[in-house]
Amino acid sequence: MKTKDILKFYEHLETSHSPHTFKRYKATIEALRRFAGSDENIDVDLANSFISSLAKRRVGRSELVYAYAIKGLFEFVGDPKAEQINIPRPTEPIVDNPPFLYPQDVKLLIERASEITGLRVLSPAIAVSYDLALRFGECANLKKTDFSRSTFKIKVVREKQRHPVQQILDLSPDVAELLISYLDERKDKEPWLFVTDAQHRQLSINQQKLFPIVCERLGIRDRATGAAPTWHILRHTRLTWMIAEGKSIEEVAKFAGHASIASTLKYLNICTFHGLGIYEKLRRA
């Protein structure tokens, strides 16, 4: 490993991550450099030895962040052996389980939300929010021009970032068809992808507040705590089940628009401490 590559990695982290994440990642790499004695000694084998030394007693959130920080360094410099970096298995919960629903809960919400509220917009908005793991504001800010009917691709701007991230994502065919059906029924000329049925205005907190009411009518509760769900549980659910289906942490972090792997690690809990096989059981339920 060359010193100049490490310094370039620091520059990349400082511009693309929060100050807290940058400080944490840099401290990890500096510890690796001390462990190696010389930057020239840093290779995948030495990095794995360093990670193993950190994970001897326990593997919690901190140990996983250290491992992903080191893997990020090797990926940044283009090391072909970056995939050989060993990510340890957690031995304890990363954080409290994030709220989540079962797949059949989401399916029921999409099928019944518009019927229960009398708002045609609600079911397609819920479907798109879940499919793309959108926050409510991200969903409300979508415009018609962001969606391609021919390719089913949709442009999304991820919020809650130091630098907002723009992504082009694929809608699943069934969600895209539901969205197209909704758009074909509309007679207004508003630019927003989703609008209120009567006044054709951009979605607001009033529609967001209907979500827990629909869940209550359908008897749907947060499967982690039993609490009443909010709209944001759709995002948590999508990311949780992506992990359960076997997607890597890196894939899920990129899809979610997370600036740091640390934000994605909480979704490991259901998979690690409830078992990956739970997904297949629930899907068949």
C-alpha atoms as a PDB file:
ATOM      1  CA  MET A   1       0.000   0.000   0.000  1.00  0.00           C
ATOM      2  CA  LYS A   2       1.332   3.421  -0.920  1.00  0.00           C
ATOM      3  CA  THR A   3       1.145   6.337   1.516  1.00  0.00           C
ATOM      4  CA  LYS A   4      -0.224   8.650  -1.184  1.00  0.00           C
ATOM      5  CA  ASP A   5      -3.140   6.265  -1.775  1.00  0.00           C
ATOM      6  CA  ILE A   6      -4.056   6.343   1.908  1.00  0.00           C
ATOM      7  CA  LEU A   7      -3.956  10.144   1.934  1.00  0.00           C
ATOM      8  CA  LYS A   8      -6.186  10.252  -1.155  1.00  0.00           C
ATOM      9  CA  PHE A   9      -8.604   7.923   0.644  1.00  0.00           C
ATOM     10  CA  TYR A  10      -8.723  10.388   3.541  1.00  0.00           C
ATOM     11  CA  GLU A  11      -9.541  13.213   1.115  1.00  0.00           C
ATOM     12  CA  HIS A  12     -12.323  11.097  -0.383  1.00  0.00           C
ATOM     13  CA  LEU A  13     -13.775  10.335   3.051  1.00  0.00           C
ATOM     14  CA  GLU A  14     -13.686  13.961   4.141  1.00  0.00           C
ATOM     15  CA  THR A  15     -15.691  15.140   1.141  1.00  0.00           C
ATOM     16  CA  SER A  16     -18.184  12.268   0.969  1.00  0.00           C
ATOM     17  CA  HIS A  17     -18.878  11.407   4.630  1.00  0.00           C
ATOM     18  CA  SER A  18     -19.967  13.201   7.769  1.00  0.00           C
ATOM     19  CA  PRO A  19     -17.249  14.591  10.077  1.00  0.00           C
ATOM     20  CA  HIS A  20     -18.039  11.868  12.635  1.00  0.00           C
ATOM     21  CA  THR A  21     -17.721   9.045  10.092  1.00  0.00           C
ATOM     22  CA  PHE A  22     -14.552  10.553   8.608  1.00  0.00           C
ATOM     23  CA  LYS A  23     -12.965  10.763  12.051  1.00  0.00           C
ATOM     24  CA  ARG A  24     -13.929   7.174  12.865  1.00  0.00           C
ATOM     25  CA  TYR A  25     -12.711   5.710   9.576  1.00  0.00           C
ATOM     26  CA  LYS A  26      -9.452   7.654   9.695  1.00  0.00           C
ATOM     27  CA  ALA A  27      -8.760   6.471  13.253  1.00  0.00           C
ATOM     28  CA  THR A  28      -9.256   2.880  12.073  1.00  0.00           C
ATOM     29  CA  ILE A  29      -6.826   3.232   9.165  1.00  0.00           C
ATOM     30  CA  GLU A  30      -4.278   4.953  11.402  1.00  0.00           C
ATOM     31  CA  ALA A  31      -4.501   2.012  13.821  1.00  0.00           C
ATOM     32  CA  LEU A  32      -3.932  -0.340  10.865  1.00  0.00           C
ATOM     33  CA  ARG A  33      -0.872   1.671   9.840  1.00  0.00           C
ATOM     34  CA  ARG A  34       0.572   1.396  13.346  1.00  0.00           C
ATOM     35  CA  PHE A  35      -0.152  -2.333  13.360  1.00  0.00           C
ATOM     36  CA  ALA A  36       1.707  -2.715  10.038  1.00  0.00           C
ATOM     37  CA  GLY A  37       4.713  -0.619  11.091  1.00  0.00           C
ATOM     38  CA  SER A  38       5.040   0.667   7.521  1.00  0.00           C
ATOM     39  CA  ASP A  39       2.471   1.495   4.841  1.00  0.00           C
ATOM     40  CA  GLU A  40       4.347  -0.757   2.413  1.00  0.00           C
ATOM     41  CA  ASN A  41       3.548  -3.740   4.666  1.00  0.00           C
ATOM     42  CA  ILE A  42      -0.211  -3.237   4.369  1.00  0.00           C
ATOM     43  CA  ASP A  43      -1.846  -5.948   2.277  1.00  0.00           C
ATOM     44  CA  VAL A  44      -5.001  -8.043   2.537  1.00  0.00           C
ATOM     45  CA  ASP A  45      -3.406 -10.737   4.734  1.00  0.00           C
ATOM     46  CA  LEU A  46      -2.106  -8.180   7.225  1.00  0.00           C
ATOM     47  CA  ALA A  47      -5.447  -6.356   7.198  1.00  0.00           C
ATOM     48  CA  ASN A  48      -7.274  -9.598   8.011  1.00  0.00           C
ATOM     49  CA  SER A  49      -4.844 -10.252  10.880  1.00  0.00           C
ATOM     50  CA  PHE A  50      -5.569  -6.766  12.222  1.00  0.00           C
ATOM     51  CA  ILE A  51      -9.337  -7.285  11.973  1.00  0.00           C
ATOM     52  CA  SER A  52      -9.025 -10.651  13.740  1.00  0.00           C
ATOM     53  CA  SER A  53      -7.102  -9.000  16.579  1.00  0.00           C
ATOM     54  CA  LEU A  54      -9.951  -6.506  17.039  1.00  0.00           C
ATOM     55  CA  ALA A  55     -12.644  -9.179  16.988  1.00  0.00           C
ATOM     56  CA  LYS A  56     -11.120 -11.615  19.492  1.00  0.00           C
ATOM     57  CA  ARG A  57     -13.412 -10.815  22.405  1.00  0.00           C
ATOM     58  CA  ARG A  58     -16.565  -9.449  20.782  1.00  0.00           C
ATOM     59  CA  VAL A  59     -17.957  -8.319  17.455  1.00  0.00           C
ATOM     60  CA  GLY A  60     -20.373  -5.428  17.761  1.00  0.00           C
ATOM     61  CA  ARG A  61     -21.087  -2.364  15.690  1.00  0.00           C
ATOM     62  CA  SER A  62     -17.650  -0.800  16.242  1.00  0.00           C
ATOM     63  CA  GLU A  63     -15.770  -3.885  15.094  1.00  0.00           C
ATOM     64  CA  LEU A  64     -17.893  -4.111  11.944  1.00  0.00           C
ATOM     65  CA  VAL A  65     -17.343  -0.433  11.150  1.00  0.00           C
ATOM     66  CA  TYR A  66     -13.570  -0.985  11.494  1.00  0.00           C
ATOM     67  CA  ALA A  67     -13.698  -3.932   9.088  1.00  0.00           C
ATOM     68  CA  TYR A  68     -15.764  -2.084   6.489  1.00  0.00           C
ATOM     69  CA  ALA A  69     -13.508   0.983   6.758  1.00  0.00           C
ATOM     70  CA  ILE A  70     -10.504  -1.200   5.929  1.00  0.00           C
ATOM     71  CA  LYS A  71     -12.336  -2.922   3.095  1.00  0.00           C
ATOM     72  CA  GLY A  72     -13.303   0.509   1.770  1.00  0.00           C
ATOM     73  CA  LEU A  73      -9.632   1.495   1.646  1.00  0.00           C
ATOM     74  CA  PHE A  74      -8.685  -1.545  -0.438  1.00  0.00           C
ATOM     75  CA  GLU A  75     -11.653  -0.976  -2.781  1.00  0.00           C
ATOM     76  CA  PHE A  76     -10.723   2.688  -3.163  1.00  0.00           C
ATOM     77  CA  VAL A  77      -7.172   1.905  -4.267  1.00  0.00           C
ATOM     78  CA  GLY A  78      -8.469  -0.758  -6.662  1.00  0.00           C
ATOM     79  CA  ASP A  79      -6.878  -3.757  -4.974  1.00  0.00           C
ATOM     80  CA  PRO A  80      -8.214  -6.883  -6.748  1.00  0.00           C
ATOM     81  CA  LYS A  81      -8.090  -8.773  -3.450  1.00  0.00           C
ATOM     82  CA  ALA A  82     -10.413  -6.346  -1.647  1.00  0.00           C
ATOM     83  CA  GLU A  83     -13.193  -8.953  -1.618  1.00  0.00           C
ATOM     84  CA  GLN A  84     -10.945 -11.206   0.485  1.00  0.00           C
ATOM     85  CA  ILE A  85     -11.171  -8.851   3.464  1.00  0.00           C
ATOM     86  CA  ASN A  86     -12.850 -10.869   6.218  1.00  0.00           C
ATOM     87  CA  ILE A  87     -15.941  -9.220   7.709  1.00  0.00           C
ATOM     88  CA  PRO A  88     -16.542 -10.853  11.109  1.00  0.00           C
ATOM     89  CA  ARG A  89     -19.952 -12.163  12.109  1.00  0.00           C
ATOM     90  CA  PRO A  90     -21.619 -10.119  14.889  1.00  0.00           C
ATOM     91  CA  THR A  91     -21.687 -11.794  18.279  1.00  0.00           C
ATOM     92  CA  GLU A  92     -24.189  -9.326  19.763  1.00  0.00           C
ATOM     93  CA  PRO A  93     -26.965  -7.043  18.514  1.00  0.00           C
ATOM     94  CA  ILE A  94     -25.625  -4.022  16.612  1.00  0.00           C
ATOM     95  CA  VAL A  95     -28.369  -1.732  17.913  1.00  0.00           C
ATOM     96  CA  ASP A  96     -31.982  -2.297  18.889  1.00  0.00           C
ATOM     97  CA  ASN A  97     -33.886  -3.912  16.038  1.00  0.00           C
ATOM     98  CA  PRO A  98     -35.141  -1.322  13.529  1.00  0.00           C
ATOM     99  CA  PRO A  99     -38.908  -1.383  12.985  1.00  0.00           C
ATOM    100  CA  PHE A 100     -40.032  -3.680  10.191  1.00  0.00           C
ATOM    101  CA  LEU A 101     -43.061  -5.411   8.702  1.00  0.00           C
ATOM    102  CA  TYR A 102     -43.511  -8.833   7.175  1.00  0.00           C
ATOM    103  CA  PRO A 103     -43.720  -8.995   3.352  1.00  0.00           C
ATOM    104  CA  GLN A 104     -47.371  -9.987   3.542  1.00  0.00           C
ATOM    105  CA  ASP A 105     -48.070  -6.865   5.665  1.00  0.00           C
ATOM    106  CA  VAL A 106     -46.733  -4.627   2.891  1.00  0.00           C
ATOM    107  CA  LYS A 107     -48.713  -6.509   0.252  1.00  0.00           C
ATOM    108  CA  LEU A 108     -51.911  -6.006   2.271  1.00  0.00           C
ATOM    109  CA  LEU A 109     -51.182  -2.292   2.721  1.00  0.00           C
ATOM    110  CA  ILE A 110     -50.735  -1.804  -1.014  1.00  0.00           C
ATOM    111  CA  GLU A 111     -53.920  -3.736  -1.784  1.00  0.00           C
ATOM    112  CA  ARG A 112     -56.151  -2.006   0.797  1.00  0.00           C
ATOM    113  CA  ALA A 113     -54.796   1.489   1.566  1.00  0.00           C
ATOM    114  CA  SER A 114     -56.690   3.310  -1.199  1.00  0.00           C
ATOM    115  CA  GLU A 115     -59.883   1.375  -0.466  1.00  0.00           C
ATOM    116  CA  ILE A 116     -59.775   2.187   3.256  1.00  0.00           C
ATOM    117  CA  THR A 117     -58.992   5.909   2.855  1.00  0.00           C
ATOM    118  CA  GLY A 118     -60.819   6.585  -0.384  1.00  0.00           C
ATOM    119  CA  LEU A 119     -57.614   8.133  -1.768  1.00  0.00           C
ATOM    120  CA  ARG A 120     -56.504   6.632  -5.087  1.00  0.00           C
ATOM    121  CA  VAL A 121     -52.991   8.006  -4.567  1.00  0.00           C
ATOM    122  CA  LEU A 122     -52.206   6.151  -1.355  1.00  0.00           C
ATOM    123  CA  SER A 123     -51.667   2.595  -2.632  1.00  0.00           C
ATOM    124  CA  PRO A 124     -49.252   3.500  -5.471  1.00  0.00           C
ATOM    125  CA  ALA A 125     -47.389   5.928  -3.212  1.00  0.00           C
ATOM    126  CA  ILE A 126     -46.925   3.199  -0.584  1.00  0.00           C
ATOM    127  CA  ALA A 127     -45.846   0.704  -3.250  1.00  0.00           C
ATOM    128  CA  VAL A 128     -43.197   3.037  -4.700  1.00  0.00           C
ATOM    129  CA  SER A 129     -41.962   4.097  -1.247  1.00  0.00           C
ATOM    130  CA  TYR A 130     -41.459   0.475  -0.264  1.00  0.00           C
ATOM    131  CA  ASP A 131     -39.971  -0.683  -3.560  1.00  0.00           C
ATOM    132  CA  LEU A 132     -37.327   2.083  -3.556  1.00  0.00           C
ATOM    133  CA  ALA A 133     -36.931   2.412   0.253  1.00  0.00           C
ATOM    134  CA  LEU A 134     -37.995   6.060   0.113  1.00  0.00           C
ATOM    135  CA  ARG A 135     -38.516   8.466   2.961  1.00  0.00           C
ATOM    136  CA  PHE A 136     -41.905  10.210   2.765  1.00  0.00           C
ATOM    137  CA  GLY A 137     -40.338  13.490   1.624  1.00  0.00           C
ATOM    138  CA  GLU A 138     -38.415  11.719  -1.134  1.00  0.00           C
ATOM    139  CA  CYS A 139     -41.653  10.150  -2.356  1.00  0.00           C
ATOM    140  CA  ALA A 140     -43.602  13.426  -2.197  1.00  0.00           C
ATOM    141  CA  ASN A 141     -40.901  15.266  -4.173  1.00  0.00           C
ATOM    142  CA  LEU A 142     -40.965  12.874  -7.141  1.00  0.00           C
ATOM    143  CA  LYS A 143     -42.123  14.381 -10.430  1.00  0.00           C
ATOM    144  CA  LYS A 144     -43.739  12.794 -13.471  1.00  0.00           C
ATOM    145  CA  THR A 145     -40.615  13.513 -15.488  1.00  0.00           C
ATOM    146  CA  ASP A 146     -38.576  11.426 -13.028  1.00  0.00           C
ATOM    147  CA  PHE A 147     -40.332   8.242 -14.146  1.00  0.00           C
ATOM    148  CA  SER A 148     -39.763   6.449 -17.462  1.00  0.00           C
ATOM    149  CA  ARG A 149     -42.723   4.364 -18.589  1.00  0.00           C
ATOM    150  CA  SER A 150     -40.614   2.499 -21.136  1.00  0.00           C
ATOM    151  CA  THR A 151     -37.756   1.416 -18.880  1.00  0.00           C
ATOM    152  CA  PHE A 152     -39.498   1.499 -15.442  1.00  0.00           C
ATOM    153  CA  LYS A 153     -36.563   3.584 -14.190  1.00  0.00           C
ATOM    154  CA  ILE A 154     -37.094   6.444 -11.773  1.00  0.00           C
ATOM    155  CA  LYS A 155     -34.839   9.278 -10.652  1.00  0.00           C
ATOM    156  CA  VAL A 156     -34.623   9.709  -6.891  1.00  0.00           C
ATOM    157  CA  VAL A 157     -32.844  12.313  -4.782  1.00  0.00           C
ATOM    158  CA  ARG A 158     -31.898  10.846  -1.420  1.00  0.00           C
ATOM    159  CA  GLU A 159     -32.341  13.279   1.474  1.00  0.00           C
ATOM    160  CA  LYS A 160     -30.614  13.383   4.868  1.00  0.00           C
ATOM    161  CA  GLN A 161     -27.172  13.553   3.280  1.00  0.00           C
ATOM    162  CA  ARG A 162     -24.319  15.984   3.658  1.00  0.00           C
ATOM    163  CA  HIS A 163     -24.456  16.096  -0.131  1.00  0.00           C
ATOM    164  CA  PRO A 164     -27.849  14.897  -1.510  1.00  0.00           C
ATOM    165  CA  VAL A 165     -27.419  11.807  -3.675  1.00  0.00           C
ATOM    166  CA  GLN A 166     -29.225  11.419  -7.001  1.00  0.00           C
ATOM    167  CA  GLN A 167     -29.912   7.844  -8.104  1.00  0.00           C
ATOM    168  CA  ILE A 168     -31.553   6.147 -11.073  1.00  0.00           C
ATOM    169  CA  LEU A 169     -33.369   3.095  -9.726  1.00  0.00           C
ATOM    170  CA  ASP A 170     -35.473   0.304 -11.233  1.00  0.00           C
ATOM    171  CA  LEU A 171     -39.068  -0.125 -10.177  1.00  0.00           C
ATOM    172  CA  SER A 172     -40.243  -3.715 -10.026  1.00  0.00           C
ATOM    173  CA  PRO A 173     -42.646  -4.476 -12.906  1.00  0.00           C
ATOM    174  CA  ASP A 174     -45.746  -4.918 -10.741  1.00  0.00           C
ATOM    175  CA  VAL A 175     -45.147  -1.596  -8.939  1.00  0.00           C
ATOM    176  CA  ALA A 176     -44.447   0.161 -12.253  1.00  0.00           C
ATOM    177  CA  GLU A 177     -47.721  -1.153 -13.691  1.00  0.00           C
ATOM    178  CA  LEU A 178     -49.625   0.049 -10.618  1.00  0.00           C
ATOM    179  CA  LEU A 179     -48.011   3.480 -10.972  1.00  0.00           C
ATOM    180  CA  ILE A 180     -48.791   3.708 -14.704  1.00  0.00           C
ATOM    181  CA  SER A 181     -52.415   2.757 -14.032  1.00  0.00           C
ATOM    182  CA  TYR A 182     -52.641   5.523 -11.418  1.00  0.00           C
ATOM    183  CA  LEU A 183     -51.094   8.111 -13.761  1.00  0.00           C
ATOM    184  CA  ASP A 184     -53.409   7.139 -16.630  1.00  0.00           C
ATOM    185  CA  GLU A 185     -56.445   7.785 -14.422  1.00  0.00           C
ATOM    186  CA  ARG A 186     -55.325  11.308 -13.538  1.00  0.00           C
ATOM    187  CA  LYS A 187     -56.719  14.291 -15.435  1.00  0.00           C
ATOM    188  CA  ASP A 188     -54.636  17.048 -13.820  1.00  0.00           C
ATOM    189  CA  LYS A 189     -51.563  18.725 -15.286  1.00  0.00           C
ATOM    190  CA  GLU A 190     -49.576  18.930 -12.040  1.00  0.00           C
ATOM    191  CA  PRO A 191     -45.872  18.019 -12.328  1.00  0.00           C
ATOM    192  CA  TRP A 192     -45.813  15.867  -9.192  1.00  0.00           C
ATOM    193  CA  LEU A 193     -45.797  12.083  -9.545  1.00  0.00           C
ATOM    194  CA  PHE A 194     -48.237  11.798  -6.644  1.00  0.00           C
ATOM    195  CA  VAL A 195     -50.962  14.337  -5.877  1.00  0.00           C
ATOM    196  CA  THR A 196     -53.975  14.498  -3.583  1.00  0.00           C
ATOM    197  CA  ASP A 197     -57.122  13.227  -5.263  1.00  0.00           C
ATOM    198  CA  ALA A 198     -59.380  16.273  -4.830  1.00  0.00           C
ATOM    199  CA  GLN A 199     -57.164  19.362  -5.031  1.00  0.00           C
ATOM    200  CA  HIS A 200     -54.289  17.787  -6.989  1.00  0.00           C
ATOM    201  CA  ARG A 201     -51.657  19.125  -4.633  1.00  0.00           C
ATOM    202  CA  GLN A 202     -48.290  17.682  -3.677  1.00  0.00           C
ATOM    203  CA  LEU A 203     -48.468  15.044  -0.939  1.00  0.00           C
ATOM    204  CA  SER A 204     -48.158  16.499   2.547  1.00  0.00           C
ATOM    205  CA  ILE A 205     -48.065  15.448   6.175  1.00  0.00           C
ATOM    206  CA  ASN A 206     -51.851  14.984   6.026  1.00  0.00           C
ATOM    207  CA  GLN A 207     -51.441  11.944   3.757  1.00  0.00           C
ATOM    208  CA  GLN A 208     -48.480  10.740   5.800  1.00  0.00           C
ATOM    209  CA  LYS A 209     -50.665  10.711   8.908  1.00  0.00           C
ATOM    210  CA  LEU A 210     -53.124   8.356   7.224  1.00  0.00           C
ATOM    211  CA  PHE A 211     -50.554   5.553   7.149  1.00  0.00           C
ATOM    212  CA  PRO A 212     -50.824   4.506  10.847  1.00  0.00           C
ATOM    213  CA  ILE A 213     -54.617   4.730  10.571  1.00  0.00           C
ATOM    214  CA  VAL A 214     -54.604   2.255   7.678  1.00  0.00           C
ATOM    215  CA  CYS A 215     -52.254  -0.026   9.618  1.00  0.00           C
ATOM    216  CA  GLU A 216     -54.576   0.064  12.624  1.00  0.00           C
ATOM    217  CA  ARG A 217     -57.586  -0.818  10.485  1.00  0.00           C
ATOM    218  CA  LEU A 218     -55.688  -3.786   9.049  1.00  0.00           C
ATOM    219  CA  GLY A 219     -54.270  -4.894  12.417  1.00  0.00           C
ATOM    220  CA  ILE A 220     -50.678  -4.319  11.276  1.00  0.00           C
ATOM    221  CA  ARG A 221     -48.075  -3.519  13.935  1.00  0.00           C
ATOM    222  CA  ASP A 222     -44.310  -3.066  13.965  1.00  0.00           C
ATOM    223  CA  ARG A 223     -42.991  -6.644  14.098  1.00  0.00           C
ATOM    224  CA  ALA A 224     -39.966  -5.609  16.197  1.00  0.00           C
ATOM    225  CA  THR A 225     -41.716  -3.710  19.010  1.00  0.00           C
ATOM    226  CA  GLY A 226     -45.459  -4.040  18.456  1.00  0.00           C
ATOM    227  CA  ALA A 227     -45.771  -0.251  18.139  1.00  0.00           C
ATOM    228  CA  ALA A 228     -47.983   1.554  15.632  1.00  0.00           C
ATOM    229  CA  PRO A 229     -46.059   1.885  12.343  1.00  0.00           C
ATOM    230  CA  THR A 230     -45.239   5.165  10.598  1.00  0.00           C
ATOM    231  CA  TRP A 231     -44.578   5.730   6.885  1.00  0.00           C
ATOM    232  CA  HIS A 232     -40.822   5.384   7.487  1.00  0.00           C
ATOM    233  CA  ILE A 233     -41.268   1.711   8.375  1.00  0.00           C
ATOM    234  CA  LEU A 234     -41.588   1.026   4.626  1.00  0.00           C
ATOM    235  CA  ARG A 235     -37.959   2.070   4.141  1.00  0.00           C
ATOM    236  CA  HIS A 236     -36.793   0.038   7.140  1.00  0.00           C
ATOM    237  CA  THR A 237     -38.719  -2.994   5.924  1.00  0.00           C
ATOM    238  CA  ARG A 238     -37.314  -2.867   2.390  1.00  0.00           C
ATOM    239  CA  LEU A 239     -33.711  -2.609   3.595  1.00  0.00           C
ATOM    240  CA  THR A 240     -34.187  -5.300   6.240  1.00  0.00           C
ATOM    241  CA  TRP A 241     -35.534  -7.835   3.753  1.00  0.00           C
ATOM    242  CA  MET A 242     -32.852  -7.000   1.191  1.00  0.00           C
ATOM    243  CA  ILE A 243     -30.327  -8.184   3.789  1.00  0.00           C
ATOM    244  CA  ALA A 244     -32.479 -11.223   4.586  1.00  0.00           C
ATOM    245  CA  GLU A 245     -32.619 -12.122   0.889  1.00  0.00           C
ATOM    246  CA  GLY A 246     -28.829 -12.244   0.798  1.00  0.00           C
ATOM    247  CA  LYS A 247     -27.857  -8.787  -0.506  1.00  0.00           C
ATOM    248  CA  SER A 248     -24.493  -7.601   0.780  1.00  0.00           C
ATOM    249  CA  ILE A 249     -24.150  -4.710   3.215  1.00  0.00           C
ATOM    250  CA  GLU A 250     -22.375  -2.730   0.492  1.00  0.00           C
ATOM    251  CA  GLU A 251     -25.217  -3.278  -1.999  1.00  0.00           C
ATOM    252  CA  VAL A 252     -27.862  -2.234   0.523  1.00  0.00           C
ATOM    253  CA  ALA A 253     -25.874   0.830   1.638  1.00  0.00           C
ATOM    254  CA  LYS A 254     -25.540   1.992  -1.968  1.00  0.00           C
ATOM    255  CA  PHE A 255     -29.232   1.372  -2.696  1.00  0.00           C
ATOM    256  CA  ALA A 256     -30.302   3.221   0.453  1.00  0.00           C
ATOM    257  CA  GLY A 257     -28.002   6.155  -0.236  1.00  0.00           C
ATOM    258  CA  HIS A 258     -26.263   5.749   3.112  1.00  0.00           C
ATOM    259  CA  ALA A 259     -23.108   7.850   3.427  1.00  0.00           C
ATOM    260  CA  SER A 260     -21.674   5.322   5.867  1.00  0.00           C
ATOM    261  CA  ILE A 261     -21.833   1.546   6.224  1.00  0.00           C
ATOM    262  CA  ALA A 262     -22.489   2.179   9.917  1.00  0.00           C
ATOM    263  CA  SER A 263     -26.003   3.341   9.031  1.00  0.00           C
ATOM    264  CA  THR A 264     -26.713   0.046   7.260  1.00  0.00           C
ATOM    265  CA  LEU A 265     -25.405  -2.305   9.940  1.00  0.00           C
ATOM    266  CA  LYS A 266     -28.558  -2.128  12.056  1.00  0.00           C
ATOM    267  CA  TYR A 267     -30.394  -4.110   9.375  1.00  0.00           C
ATOM    268  CA  LEU A 268     -28.150  -7.085  10.119  1.00  0.00           C
ATOM    269  CA  ASN A 269     -29.956  -7.690  13.398  1.00  0.00           C
ATOM    270  CA  ILE A 270     -33.023  -9.487  12.115  1.00  0.00           C
ATOM    271  CA  CYS A 271     -30.867 -11.666   9.887  1.00  0.00           C
ATOM    272  CA  THR A 272     -28.174 -12.478  12.431  1.00  0.00           C
ATOM    273  CA  PHE A 273     -30.324 -12.906  15.502  1.00  0.00           C
ATOM    274  CA  HIS A 274     -33.544 -14.207  13.919  1.00  0.00           C
ATOM    275  CA  GLY A 275     -31.960 -16.276  11.151  1.00  0.00           C
ATOM    276  CA  LEU A 276     -31.715 -15.681   7.416  1.00  0.00           C
ATOM    277  CA  GLY A 277     -34.189 -18.503   6.768  1.00  0.00           C
ATOM    278  CA  ILE A 278     -36.974 -16.448   8.315  1.00  0.00           C
ATOM    279  CA  TYR A 279     -37.543 -14.719   4.970  1.00  0.00           C
ATOM    280  CA  GLU A 280     -38.528 -17.892   3.125  1.00  0.00           C
ATOM    281  CA  LYS A 281     -40.835 -18.937   5.970  1.00  0.00           C
ATOM    282  CA  LEU A 282     -42.585 -15.553   5.998  1.00  0.00           C
ATOM    283  CA  ARG A 283     -42.881 -15.347   2.220  1.00  0.00           C
ATOM    284  CA  ARG A 284     -44.732 -18.674   2.212  1.00  0.00           C
ATOM    285  CA  ALA A 285     -46.965 -17.666   5.112  1.00  0.00           C
END
